[in-house]
Each structure stands twice: as structure tokens, then as C-alpha cells.
PDB file of all heavy atoms in Angstrom:
ATOM      1  N   VAL A   1     -15.921   2.426 110.591  1.00  0.00           N
ATOM      2  CA  VAL A   1     -14.502   2.418 110.214  1.00  0.00           C
ATOM      3  C   VAL A   1     -13.788   1.169 110.714  1.00  0.00           C
ATOM      4  O   VAL A   1     -12.784   0.745 110.130  1.00  0.00           O
ATOM      5  CB  VAL A   1     -13.786   3.696 110.704  1.00  0.00           C
ATOM      6  CG1 VAL A   1     -14.444   4.926 110.128  1.00  0.00           C
ATOM      7  CG2 VAL A   1     -13.745   3.772 112.224  1.00  0.00           C
ATOM      8  N   GLN A   2     -14.296   0.560 111.807  1.00  0.00           N
ATOM      9  CA  GLN A   2     -13.643  -0.646 112.326  1.00  0.00           C
ATOM     10  C   GLN A   2     -13.743  -1.815 111.355  1.00  0.00           C
ATOM     11  O   GLN A   2     -12.993  -2.778 111.471  1.00  0.00           O
ATOM     12  CB  GLN A   2     -14.241  -1.016 113.686  1.00  0.00           C
ATOM     13  CG  GLN A   2     -13.753  -0.111 114.816  1.00  0.00           C
ATOM     14  CD  GLN A   2     -14.376  -0.455 116.158  1.00  0.00           C
ATOM     15  OE1 GLN A   2     -15.523  -0.888 116.220  1.00  0.00           O
ATOM     16  NE2 GLN A   2     -13.619  -0.258 117.229  1.00  0.00           N
ATOM     17  N   ASN A   3     -14.661  -1.713 110.388  1.00  0.00           N
ATOM     18  CA  ASN A   3     -14.751  -2.749 109.350  1.00  0.00           C
ATOM     19  C   ASN A   3     -13.508  -2.786 108.464  1.00  0.00           C
ATOM     20  O   ASN A   3     -13.301  -3.757 107.730  1.00  0.00           O
ATOM     21  CB  ASN A   3     -15.992  -2.527 108.489  1.00  0.00           C
ATOM     22  CG  ASN A   3     -17.280  -2.760 109.243  1.00  0.00           C
ATOM     23  OD1 ASN A   3     -17.358  -3.653 110.078  1.00  0.00           O
ATOM     24  ND2 ASN A   3     -18.300  -1.955 108.968  1.00  0.00           N
ATOM     25  N   TYR A   4     -12.697  -1.728 108.502  1.00  0.00           N
ATOM     26  CA  TYR A   4     -11.521  -1.634 107.637  1.00  0.00           C
ATOM     27  C   TYR A   4     -10.230  -1.850 108.428  1.00  0.00           C
ATOM     28  O   TYR A   4      -9.163  -1.359 108.041  1.00  0.00           O
ATOM     29  CB  TYR A   4     -11.503  -0.280 106.926  1.00  0.00           C
ATOM     30  CG  TYR A   4     -12.683  -0.107 105.999  1.00  0.00           C
ATOM     31  CD1 TYR A   4     -13.855   0.503 106.445  1.00  0.00           C
ATOM     32  CD2 TYR A   4     -12.649  -0.587 104.696  1.00  0.00           C
ATOM     33  CE1 TYR A   4     -14.951   0.646 105.604  1.00  0.00           C
ATOM     34  CE2 TYR A   4     -13.737  -0.464 103.860  1.00  0.00           C
ATOM     35  CZ  TYR A   4     -14.883   0.160 104.314  1.00  0.00           C
ATOM     36  OH  TYR A   4     -15.966   0.287 103.480  1.00  0.00           O
ATOM     37  N   ALA A   5     -10.333  -2.590 109.528  1.00  0.00           N
ATOM     38  CA  ALA A   5      -9.157  -2.848 110.375  1.00  0.00           C
ATOM     39  C   ALA A   5      -8.098  -3.632 109.601  1.00  0.00           C
ATOM     40  O   ALA A   5      -8.409  -4.548 108.836  1.00  0.00           O
ATOM     41  CB  ALA A   5      -9.575  -3.607 111.627  1.00  0.00           C
ATOM     42  N   VAL A   6      -6.823  -3.254 109.797  1.00  0.00           N
ATOM     43  CA  VAL A   6      -5.690  -3.945 109.185  1.00  0.00           C
ATOM     44  C   VAL A   6      -4.713  -4.358 110.283  1.00  0.00           C
ATOM     45  O   VAL A   6      -4.687  -3.772 111.365  1.00  0.00           O
ATOM     46  CB  VAL A   6      -4.965  -3.060 108.145  1.00  0.00           C
ATOM     47  CG1 VAL A   6      -5.866  -2.784 106.951  1.00  0.00           C
ATOM     48  CG2 VAL A   6      -4.506  -1.751 108.773  1.00  0.00           C
ATOM     49  N   ASP A   7      -3.919  -5.378 109.988  1.00  0.00           N
ATOM     50  CA  ASP A   7      -2.903  -5.840 110.933  1.00  0.00           C
ATOM     51  C   ASP A   7      -1.636  -5.016 110.704  1.00  0.00           C
ATOM     52  O   ASP A   7      -1.014  -5.092 109.646  1.00  0.00           O
ATOM     53  CB  ASP A   7      -2.619  -7.331 110.706  1.00  0.00           C
ATOM     54  CG  ASP A   7      -1.651  -7.886 111.739  1.00  0.00           C
ATOM     55  OD1 ASP A   7      -1.474  -7.240 112.786  1.00  0.00           O
ATOM     56  OD2 ASP A   7      -1.074  -8.960 111.491  1.00  0.00           O
ATOM     57  N   VAL A   8      -1.257  -4.232 111.703  1.00  0.00           N
ATOM     58  CA  VAL A   8      -0.109  -3.324 111.597  1.00  0.00           C
ATOM     59  C   VAL A   8       1.000  -3.790 112.525  1.00  0.00           C
ATOM     60  O   VAL A   8       0.755  -4.099 113.689  1.00  0.00           O
ATOM     61  CB  VAL A   8      -0.532  -1.878 111.949  1.00  0.00           C
ATOM     62  CG1 VAL A   8       0.673  -0.966 112.017  1.00  0.00           C
ATOM     63  CG2 VAL A   8      -1.529  -1.354 110.917  1.00  0.00           C
ATOM     64  N   THR A   9       2.232  -3.832 112.011  1.00  0.00           N
ATOM     65  CA  THR A   9       3.422  -4.130 112.819  1.00  0.00           C
ATOM     66  C   THR A   9       4.489  -3.085 112.560  1.00  0.00           C
ATOM     67  O   THR A   9       4.538  -2.498 111.476  1.00  0.00           O
ATOM     68  CB  THR A   9       3.986  -5.534 112.504  1.00  0.00           C
ATOM     69  OG1 THR A   9       4.190  -5.631 111.091  1.00  0.00           O
ATOM     70  CG2 THR A   9       3.032  -6.618 112.939  1.00  0.00           C
ATOM     71  N   LEU A  10       5.338  -2.849 113.531  1.00  0.00           N
ATOM     72  CA  LEU A  10       6.358  -1.807 113.441  1.00  0.00           C
ATOM     73  C   LEU A  10       7.550  -2.273 112.614  1.00  0.00           C
ATOM     74  O   LEU A  10       7.935  -3.441 112.652  1.00  0.00           O
ATOM     75  CB  LEU A  10       6.819  -1.415 114.844  1.00  0.00           C
ATOM     76  CG  LEU A  10       5.701  -0.923 115.779  1.00  0.00           C
ATOM     77  CD1 LEU A  10       6.244  -0.722 117.188  1.00  0.00           C
ATOM     78  CD2 LEU A  10       5.102   0.376 115.252  1.00  0.00           C
ATOM     79  N   ASP A  11       8.144  -1.325 111.877  1.00  0.00           N
ATOM     80  CA  ASP A  11       9.283  -1.607 111.008  1.00  0.00           C
ATOM     81  C   ASP A  11      10.573  -1.178 111.706  1.00  0.00           C
ATOM     82  O   ASP A  11      10.860   0.020 111.809  1.00  0.00           O
ATOM     83  CB  ASP A  11       9.127  -0.859 109.685  1.00  0.00           C
ATOM     84  CG  ASP A  11      10.244  -1.174 108.703  1.00  0.00           C
ATOM     85  OD1 ASP A  11      11.135  -1.956 109.057  1.00  0.00           O
ATOM     86  OD2 ASP A  11      10.215  -0.629 107.576  1.00  0.00           O
ATOM     87  N   PRO A  12      11.396  -2.116 112.195  1.00  0.00           N
ATOM     88  CA  PRO A  12      12.618  -1.749 112.921  1.00  0.00           C
ATOM     89  C   PRO A  12      13.618  -0.977 112.059  1.00  0.00           C
ATOM     90  O   PRO A  12      14.449  -0.233 112.593  1.00  0.00           O
ATOM     91  CB  PRO A  12      13.185  -3.092 113.380  1.00  0.00           C
ATOM     92  CG  PRO A  12      12.574  -4.113 112.477  1.00  0.00           C
ATOM     93  CD  PRO A  12      11.213  -3.583 112.109  1.00  0.00           C
ATOM     94  N   ASP A  13      13.554  -1.141 110.726  1.00  0.00           N
ATOM     95  CA  ASP A  13      14.492  -0.432 109.848  1.00  0.00           C
ATOM     96  C   ASP A  13      14.233   1.068 109.825  1.00  0.00           C
ATOM     97  O   ASP A  13      15.080   1.840 109.372  1.00  0.00           O
ATOM     98  CB  ASP A  13      14.393  -0.985 108.418  1.00  0.00           C
ATOM     99  CG  ASP A  13      14.972  -2.386 108.312  1.00  0.00           C
ATOM    100  OD1 ASP A  13      15.772  -2.760 109.194  1.00  0.00           O
ATOM    101  OD2 ASP A  13      14.635  -3.097 107.358  1.00  0.00           O
ATOM    102  N   THR A  14      13.044   1.501 110.296  1.00  0.00           N
ATOM    103  CA  THR A  14      12.730   2.941 110.310  1.00  0.00           C
ATOM    104  C   THR A  14      12.879   3.553 111.698  1.00  0.00           C
ATOM    105  O   THR A  14      12.810   4.781 111.837  1.00  0.00           O
ATOM    106  CB  THR A  14      11.288   3.174 109.827  1.00  0.00           C
ATOM    107  OG1 THR A  14      10.365   2.610 110.770  1.00  0.00           O
ATOM    108  CG2 THR A  14      11.053   2.543 108.470  1.00  0.00           C
ATOM    109  N   ALA A  15      13.088   2.718 112.726  1.00  0.00           N
ATOM    110  CA  ALA A  15      13.038   3.196 114.115  1.00  0.00           C
ATOM    111  C   ALA A  15      14.254   4.038 114.479  1.00  0.00           C
ATOM    112  O   ALA A  15      15.399   3.682 114.178  1.00  0.00           O
ATOM    113  CB  ALA A  15      12.926   2.007 115.073  1.00  0.00           C
ATOM    114  N   ASN A  16      14.013   5.151 115.155  1.00  0.00           N
ATOM    115  CA  ASN A  16      15.078   5.978 115.712  1.00  0.00           C
ATOM    116  C   ASN A  16      15.936   5.124 116.666  1.00  0.00           C
ATOM    117  O   ASN A  16      15.406   4.263 117.379  1.00  0.00           O
ATOM    118  CB  ASN A  16      14.463   7.159 116.464  1.00  0.00           C
ATOM    119  CG  ASN A  16      15.505   8.080 117.065  1.00  0.00           C
ATOM    120  OD1 ASN A  16      16.051   7.796 118.121  1.00  0.00           O
ATOM    121  ND2 ASN A  16      15.760   9.195 116.413  1.00  0.00           N
ATOM    122  N   PRO A  17      17.266   5.348 116.706  1.00  0.00           N
ATOM    123  CA  PRO A  17      18.141   4.497 117.538  1.00  0.00           C
ATOM    124  C   PRO A  17      17.786   4.480 119.020  1.00  0.00           C
ATOM    125  O   PRO A  17      18.189   3.553 119.739  1.00  0.00           O
ATOM    126  CB  PRO A  17      19.524   5.112 117.310  1.00  0.00           C
ATOM    127  CG  PRO A  17      19.439   5.765 115.972  1.00  0.00           C
ATOM    128  CD  PRO A  17      18.033   6.278 115.861  1.00  0.00           C
ATOM    129  N   TYR A  18      17.053   5.464 119.521  1.00  0.00           N
ATOM    130  CA  TYR A  18      16.695   5.502 120.943  1.00  0.00           C
ATOM    131  C   TYR A  18      15.416   4.711 121.249  1.00  0.00           C
ATOM    132  O   TYR A  18      15.023   4.623 122.417  1.00  0.00           O
ATOM    133  CB  TYR A  18      16.530   6.938 121.416  1.00  0.00           C
ATOM    134  CG  TYR A  18      17.849   7.647 121.649  1.00  0.00           C
ATOM    135  CD1 TYR A  18      18.448   8.371 120.636  1.00  0.00           C
ATOM    136  CD2 TYR A  18      18.503   7.579 122.875  1.00  0.00           C
ATOM    137  CE1 TYR A  18      19.667   9.020 120.824  1.00  0.00           C
ATOM    138  CE2 TYR A  18      19.718   8.216 123.096  1.00  0.00           C
ATOM    139  CZ  TYR A  18      20.300   8.933 122.054  1.00  0.00           C
ATOM    140  OH  TYR A  18      21.505   9.568 122.248  1.00  0.00           O
ATOM    141  N   LEU A  19      14.762   4.178 120.240  1.00  0.00           N
ATOM    142  CA  LEU A  19      13.493   3.477 120.464  1.00  0.00           C
ATOM    143  C   LEU A  19      13.727   2.010 120.768  1.00  0.00           C
ATOM    144  O   LEU A  19      14.638   1.376 120.231  1.00  0.00           O
ATOM    145  CB  LEU A  19      12.597   3.609 119.224  1.00  0.00           C
ATOM    146  CG  LEU A  19      12.081   5.007 118.899  1.00  0.00           C
ATOM    147  CD1 LEU A  19      11.136   4.955 117.705  1.00  0.00           C
ATOM    148  CD2 LEU A  19      11.394   5.651 120.098  1.00  0.00           C
ATOM    149  N   ASN A  20      12.846   1.474 121.637  1.00  0.00           N
ATOM    150  CA  ASN A  20      12.854   0.052 121.974  1.00  0.00           C
ATOM    151  C   ASN A  20      11.578  -0.578 121.429  1.00  0.00           C
ATOM    152  O   ASN A  20      10.478  -0.169 121.791  1.00  0.00           O
ATOM    153  CB  ASN A  20      12.913  -0.141 123.492  1.00  0.00           C
ATOM    154  CG  ASN A  20      14.166   0.455 124.093  1.00  0.00           C
ATOM    155  OD1 ASN A  20      15.258   0.264 123.581  1.00  0.00           O
ATOM    156  ND2 ASN A  20      14.017   1.216 125.184  1.00  0.00           N
ATOM    157  N   LEU A  21      11.737  -1.584 120.555  1.00  0.00           N
ATOM    158  CA  LEU A  21      10.597  -2.267 119.942  1.00  0.00           C
ATOM    159  C   LEU A  21      10.465  -3.668 120.536  1.00  0.00           C
ATOM    160  O   LEU A  21      11.480  -4.337 120.808  1.00  0.00           O
ATOM    161  CB  LEU A  21      10.760  -2.370 118.431  1.00  0.00           C
ATOM    162  CG  LEU A  21      10.297  -1.185 117.572  1.00  0.00           C
ATOM    163  CD1 LEU A  21      11.052   0.083 117.931  1.00  0.00           C
ATOM    164  CD2 LEU A  21      10.463  -1.487 116.099  1.00  0.00           C
ATOM    165  N   SER A  22       9.234  -4.100 120.732  1.00  0.00           N
ATOM    166  CA  SER A  22       9.004  -5.454 121.219  1.00  0.00           C
ATOM    167  C   SER A  22       9.283  -6.448 120.097  1.00  0.00           C
ATOM    168  O   SER A  22       9.285  -6.112 118.904  1.00  0.00           O
ATOM    169  CB  SER A  22       7.553  -5.600 121.712  1.00  0.00           C
ATOM    170  OG  SER A  22       6.648  -5.372 120.645  1.00  0.00           O
ATOM    171  N   ASP A  23       9.512  -7.711 120.483  1.00  0.00           N
ATOM    172  CA  ASP A  23       9.839  -8.747 119.500  1.00  0.00           C
ATOM    173  C   ASP A  23       8.711  -8.963 118.495  1.00  0.00           C
ATOM    174  O   ASP A  23       8.964  -9.305 117.338  1.00  0.00           O
ATOM    175  CB  ASP A  23      10.162 -10.066 120.209  1.00  0.00           C
ATOM    176  CG  ASP A  23      11.468  -9.984 121.017  1.00  0.00           C
ATOM    177  OD1 ASP A  23      12.296  -9.095 120.687  1.00  0.00           O
ATOM    178  OD2 ASP A  23      11.638 -10.779 121.948  1.00  0.00           O
ATOM    179  N   ASP A  24       7.463  -8.784 118.953  1.00  0.00           N
ATOM    180  CA  ASP A  24       6.333  -9.013 118.044  1.00  0.00           C
ATOM    181  C   ASP A  24       6.010  -7.781 117.189  1.00  0.00           C
ATOM    182  O   ASP A  24       5.093  -7.821 116.362  1.00  0.00           O
ATOM    183  CB  ASP A  24       5.085  -9.447 118.811  1.00  0.00           C
ATOM    184  CG  ASP A  24       4.590  -8.383 119.789  1.00  0.00           C
ATOM    185  OD1 ASP A  24       5.245  -7.321 119.900  1.00  0.00           O
ATOM    186  OD2 ASP A  24       3.567  -8.626 120.453  1.00  0.00           O
ATOM    187  N   GLY A  25       6.753  -6.680 117.378  1.00  0.00           N
ATOM    188  CA  GLY A  25       6.539  -5.491 116.557  1.00  0.00           C
ATOM    189  C   GLY A  25       5.256  -4.752 116.855  1.00  0.00           C
ATOM    190  O   GLY A  25       4.757  -4.013 116.012  1.00  0.00           O
ATOM    191  N   LYS A  26       4.728  -4.933 118.093  1.00  0.00           N
ATOM    192  CA  LYS A  26       3.462  -4.296 118.447  1.00  0.00           C
ATOM    193  C   LYS A  26       3.621  -3.189 119.490  1.00  0.00           C
ATOM    194  O   LYS A  26       2.656  -2.446 119.728  1.00  0.00           O
ATOM    195  CB  LYS A  26       2.481  -5.340 118.988  1.00  0.00           C
ATOM    196  CG  LYS A  26       2.082  -6.408 117.977  1.00  0.00           C
ATOM    197  CD  LYS A  26       1.315  -5.841 116.805  1.00  0.00           C
ATOM    198  CE  LYS A  26       0.839  -6.933 115.855  1.00  0.00           C
ATOM    199  NZ  LYS A  26       0.095  -6.389 114.704  1.00  0.00           N
ATOM    200  N   GLN A  27       4.798  -3.044 120.110  1.00  0.00           N
ATOM    201  CA  GLN A  27       4.995  -2.044 121.152  1.00  0.00           C
ATOM    202  C   GLN A  27       6.266  -1.246 120.886  1.00  0.00           C
ATOM    203  O   GLN A  27       7.251  -1.794 120.380  1.00  0.00           O
ATOM    204  CB  GLN A  27       5.089  -2.697 122.534  1.00  0.00           C
ATOM    205  CG  GLN A  27       3.868  -3.511 122.930  1.00  0.00           C
ATOM    206  CD  GLN A  27       3.948  -4.020 124.356  1.00  0.00           C
ATOM    207  OE1 GLN A  27       4.568  -3.384 125.216  1.00  0.00           O
ATOM    208  NE2 GLN A  27       3.316  -5.154 124.629  1.00  0.00           N
ATOM    209  N   VAL A  28       6.217   0.052 121.258  1.00  0.00           N
ATOM    210  CA  VAL A  28       7.402   0.899 121.103  1.00  0.00           C
ATOM    211  C   VAL A  28       7.453   1.896 122.264  1.00  0.00           C
ATOM    212  O   VAL A  28       6.434   2.467 122.658  1.00  0.00           O
ATOM    213  CB  VAL A  28       7.417   1.636 119.760  1.00  0.00           C
ATOM    214  CG1 VAL A  28       6.156   2.489 119.570  1.00  0.00           C
ATOM    215  CG2 VAL A  28       8.652   2.516 119.622  1.00  0.00           C
ATOM    216  N   SER A  29       8.647   2.056 122.824  1.00  0.00           N
ATOM    217  CA  SER A  29       8.882   3.058 123.869  1.00  0.00           C
ATOM    218  C   SER A  29      10.230   3.711 123.608  1.00  0.00           C
ATOM    219  O   SER A  29      11.052   3.195 122.833  1.00  0.00           O
ATOM    220  CB  SER A  29       8.858   2.423 125.264  1.00  0.00           C
ATOM    221  OG  SER A  29       9.877   1.435 125.358  1.00  0.00           O
ATOM    222  N   CYS A  30      10.454   4.857 124.260  1.00  0.00           N
ATOM    223  CA  CYS A  30      11.691   5.604 124.057  1.00  0.00           C
ATOM    224  C   CYS A  30      12.612   5.418 125.250  1.00  0.00           C
ATOM    225  O   CYS A  30      12.200   5.618 126.403  1.00  0.00           O
ATOM    226  CB  CYS A  30      11.390   7.085 123.851  1.00  0.00           C
ATOM    227  SG  CYS A  30      12.823   8.052 123.343  1.00  0.00           S
ATOM    228  N   GLY A  31      13.874   5.010 124.988  1.00  0.00           N
ATOM    229  CA  GLY A  31      14.833   4.806 126.053  1.00  0.00           C
ATOM    230  C   GLY A  31      15.830   5.952 126.157  1.00  0.00           C
ATOM    231  O   GLY A  31      15.747   6.948 125.420  1.00  0.00           O
ATOM    232  N   ASP A  32      16.798   5.804 127.063  1.00  0.00           N
ATOM    233  CA  ASP A  32      17.816   6.830 127.285  1.00  0.00           C
ATOM    234  C   ASP A  32      19.128   6.521 126.589  1.00  0.00           C
ATOM    235  O   ASP A  32      20.022   7.366 126.534  1.00  0.00           O
ATOM    236  CB  ASP A  32      18.075   6.989 128.789  1.00  0.00           C
ATOM    237  CG  ASP A  32      16.837   7.495 129.528  1.00  0.00           C
ATOM    238  OD1 ASP A  32      16.149   8.369 128.963  1.00  0.00           O
ATOM    239  OD2 ASP A  32      16.575   7.006 130.632  1.00  0.00           O
ATOM    240  N   ILE A  33      19.272   5.294 126.071  1.00  0.00           N
ATOM    241  CA  ILE A  33      20.541   4.863 125.490  1.00  0.00           C
ATOM    242  C   ILE A  33      20.379   4.676 123.982  1.00  0.00           C
ATOM    243  O   ILE A  33      19.442   4.007 123.529  1.00  0.00           O
ATOM    244  CB  ILE A  33      21.018   3.549 126.135  1.00  0.00           C
ATOM    245  CG1 ILE A  33      21.195   3.739 127.645  1.00  0.00           C
ATOM    246  CG2 ILE A  33      22.311   3.067 125.496  1.00  0.00           C
ATOM    247  CD1 ILE A  33      21.529   2.460 128.383  1.00  0.00           C
ATOM    248  N   GLU A  34      21.288   5.263 123.225  1.00  0.00           N
ATOM    249  CA  GLU A  34      21.274   5.095 121.763  1.00  0.00           C
ATOM    250  C   GLU A  34      21.787   3.701 121.432  1.00  0.00           C
ATOM    251  O   GLU A  34      22.889   3.311 121.834  1.00  0.00           O
ATOM    252  CB  GLU A  34      22.135   6.150 121.091  1.00  0.00           C
ATOM    253  CG  GLU A  34      22.089   6.081 119.574  1.00  0.00           C
ATOM    254  CD  GLU A  34      22.878   7.193 118.910  1.00  0.00           C
ATOM    255  OE1 GLU A  34      23.598   7.925 119.629  1.00  0.00           O
ATOM    256  OE2 GLU A  34      22.787   7.340 117.692  1.00  0.00           O
ATOM    257  N   GLN A  35      20.993   2.958 120.678  1.00  0.00           N
ATOM    258  CA  GLN A  35      21.358   1.593 120.333  1.00  0.00           C
ATOM    259  C   GLN A  35      22.211   1.565 119.069  1.00  0.00           C
ATOM    260  O   GLN A  35      22.126   2.453 118.221  1.00  0.00           O
ATOM    261  CB  GLN A  35      20.091   0.752 120.132  1.00  0.00           C
ATOM    262  CG  GLN A  35      19.193   0.717 121.350  1.00  0.00           C
ATOM    263  CD  GLN A  35      17.957  -0.123 121.110  1.00  0.00           C
ATOM    264  OE1 GLN A  35      18.041  -1.303 120.845  1.00  0.00           O
ATOM    265  NE2 GLN A  35      16.795   0.520 121.214  1.00  0.00           N
ATOM    266  N   ASP A  36      23.017   0.521 118.953  1.00  0.00           N
ATOM    267  CA  ASP A  36      23.865   0.340 117.777  1.00  0.00           C
ATOM    268  C   ASP A  36      23.043  -0.357 116.696  1.00  0.00           C
ATOM    269  O   ASP A  36      22.873  -1.574 116.725  1.00  0.00           O
ATOM    270  CB  ASP A  36      25.098  -0.498 118.152  1.00  0.00           C
ATOM    271  CG  ASP A  36      26.065  -0.623 116.976  1.00  0.00           C
ATOM    272  OD1 ASP A  36      25.917   0.155 116.014  1.00  0.00           O
ATOM    273  OD2 ASP A  36      26.946  -1.497 117.027  1.00  0.00           O
ATOM    274  N   VAL A  37      22.499   0.412 115.794  1.00  0.00           N
ATOM    275  CA  VAL A  37      21.638  -0.127 114.736  1.00  0.00           C
ATOM    276  C   VAL A  37      22.241   0.216 113.377  1.00  0.00           C
ATOM    277  O   VAL A  37      22.955   1.220 113.238  1.00  0.00           O
ATOM    278  CB  VAL A  37      20.203   0.437 114.835  1.00  0.00           C
ATOM    279  CG1 VAL A  37      19.519  -0.044 116.089  1.00  0.00           C
ATOM    280  CG2 VAL A  37      20.225   1.965 114.783  1.00  0.00           C
ATOM    281  N   PRO A  38      21.969  -0.591 112.347  1.00  0.00           N
ATOM    282  CA  PRO A  38      22.503  -0.308 111.013  1.00  0.00           C
ATOM    283  C   PRO A  38      21.984   1.025 110.476  1.00  0.00           C
ATOM    284  O   PRO A  38      20.829   1.386 110.686  1.00  0.00           O
ATOM    285  CB  PRO A  38      21.981  -1.479 110.170  1.00  0.00           C
ATOM    286  CG  PRO A  38      21.618  -2.538 111.145  1.00  0.00           C
ATOM    287  CD  PRO A  38      21.188  -1.830 112.382  1.00  0.00           C
ATOM    288  N   LYS A  39      22.849   1.748 109.807  1.00  0.00           N
ATOM    289  CA  LYS A  39      22.427   3.001 109.174  1.00  0.00           C
ATOM    290  C   LYS A  39      21.790   2.688 107.828  1.00  0.00           C
ATOM    291  O   LYS A  39      22.311   1.896 107.056  1.00  0.00           O
ATOM    292  CB  LYS A  39      23.631   3.927 108.976  1.00  0.00           C
ATOM    293  CG  LYS A  39      24.208   4.459 110.289  1.00  0.00           C
ATOM    294  CD  LYS A  39      25.340   5.439 110.034  1.00  0.00           C
ATOM    295  CE  LYS A  39      25.884   5.981 111.352  1.00  0.00           C
ATOM    296  NZ  LYS A  39      26.985   6.956 111.135  1.00  0.00           N
ATOM    297  N   ASN A  40      20.651   3.304 107.577  1.00  0.00           N
ATOM    298  CA  ASN A  40      20.003   3.151 106.279  1.00  0.00           C
ATOM    299  C   ASN A  40      19.126   4.366 106.015  1.00  0.00           C
ATOM    300  O   ASN A  40      18.734   5.070 106.950  1.00  0.00           O
ATOM    301  CB  ASN A  40      19.188   1.848 106.220  1.00  0.00           C
ATOM    302  CG  ASN A  40      18.012   1.851 107.158  1.00  0.00           C
ATOM    303  OD1 ASN A  40      17.036   2.558 106.929  1.00  0.00           O
ATOM    304  ND2 ASN A  40      18.089   1.067 108.232  1.00  0.00           N
ATOM    305  N   PRO A  41      18.810   4.643 104.750  1.00  0.00           N
ATOM    306  CA  PRO A  41      18.039   5.864 104.412  1.00  0.00           C
ATOM    307  C   PRO A  41      16.613   5.863 104.950  1.00  0.00           C
ATOM    308  O   PRO A  41      15.984   6.908 105.031  1.00  0.00           O
ATOM    309  CB  PRO A  41      18.049   5.862 102.878  1.00  0.00           C
ATOM    310  CG  PRO A  41      18.335   4.450 102.484  1.00  0.00           C
ATOM    311  CD  PRO A  41      19.222   3.894 103.546  1.00  0.00           C
ATOM    312  N   LYS A  42      16.095   4.702 105.363  1.00  0.00           N
ATOM    313  CA  LYS A  42      14.723   4.639 105.866  1.00  0.00           C
ATOM    314  C   LYS A  42      14.616   5.073 107.326  1.00  0.00           C
ATOM    315  O   LYS A  42      13.541   5.407 107.799  1.00  0.00           O
ATOM    316  CB  LYS A  42      14.185   3.203 105.737  1.00  0.00           C
ATOM    317  CG  LYS A  42      14.017   2.699 104.319  1.00  0.00           C
ATOM    318  CD  LYS A  42      13.666   1.228 104.272  1.00  0.00           C
ATOM    319  CE  LYS A  42      12.378   0.909 104.990  1.00  0.00           C
ATOM    320  NZ  LYS A  42      12.022  -0.515 104.893  1.00  0.00           N
TER     321      LYS A  42
END
């Protein structure tokens, strides 16, 4: 299955407001403060 590896990055437009994403889109953790992010259906 490792032969089918793909490059995956996180989509900030889908992230819950409490999540913290790294600049490179490879790490995500949950914080205690709700961030001011644009509202969108995604």
C-alpha cells in the first residue's frame, strides 16, 4: 500500500475555529481559544 503514497496537506478553509494549523499544512492541534476565521460552508 505504501506504493500508493500521496502528498497530503490540510485545508484551513475546513478547519474548526479551535484548531491550530502549521504554516506548511502538515500539523494540527486543538487549542482553547476560538479563532476569528471566515465563515464558509466548508
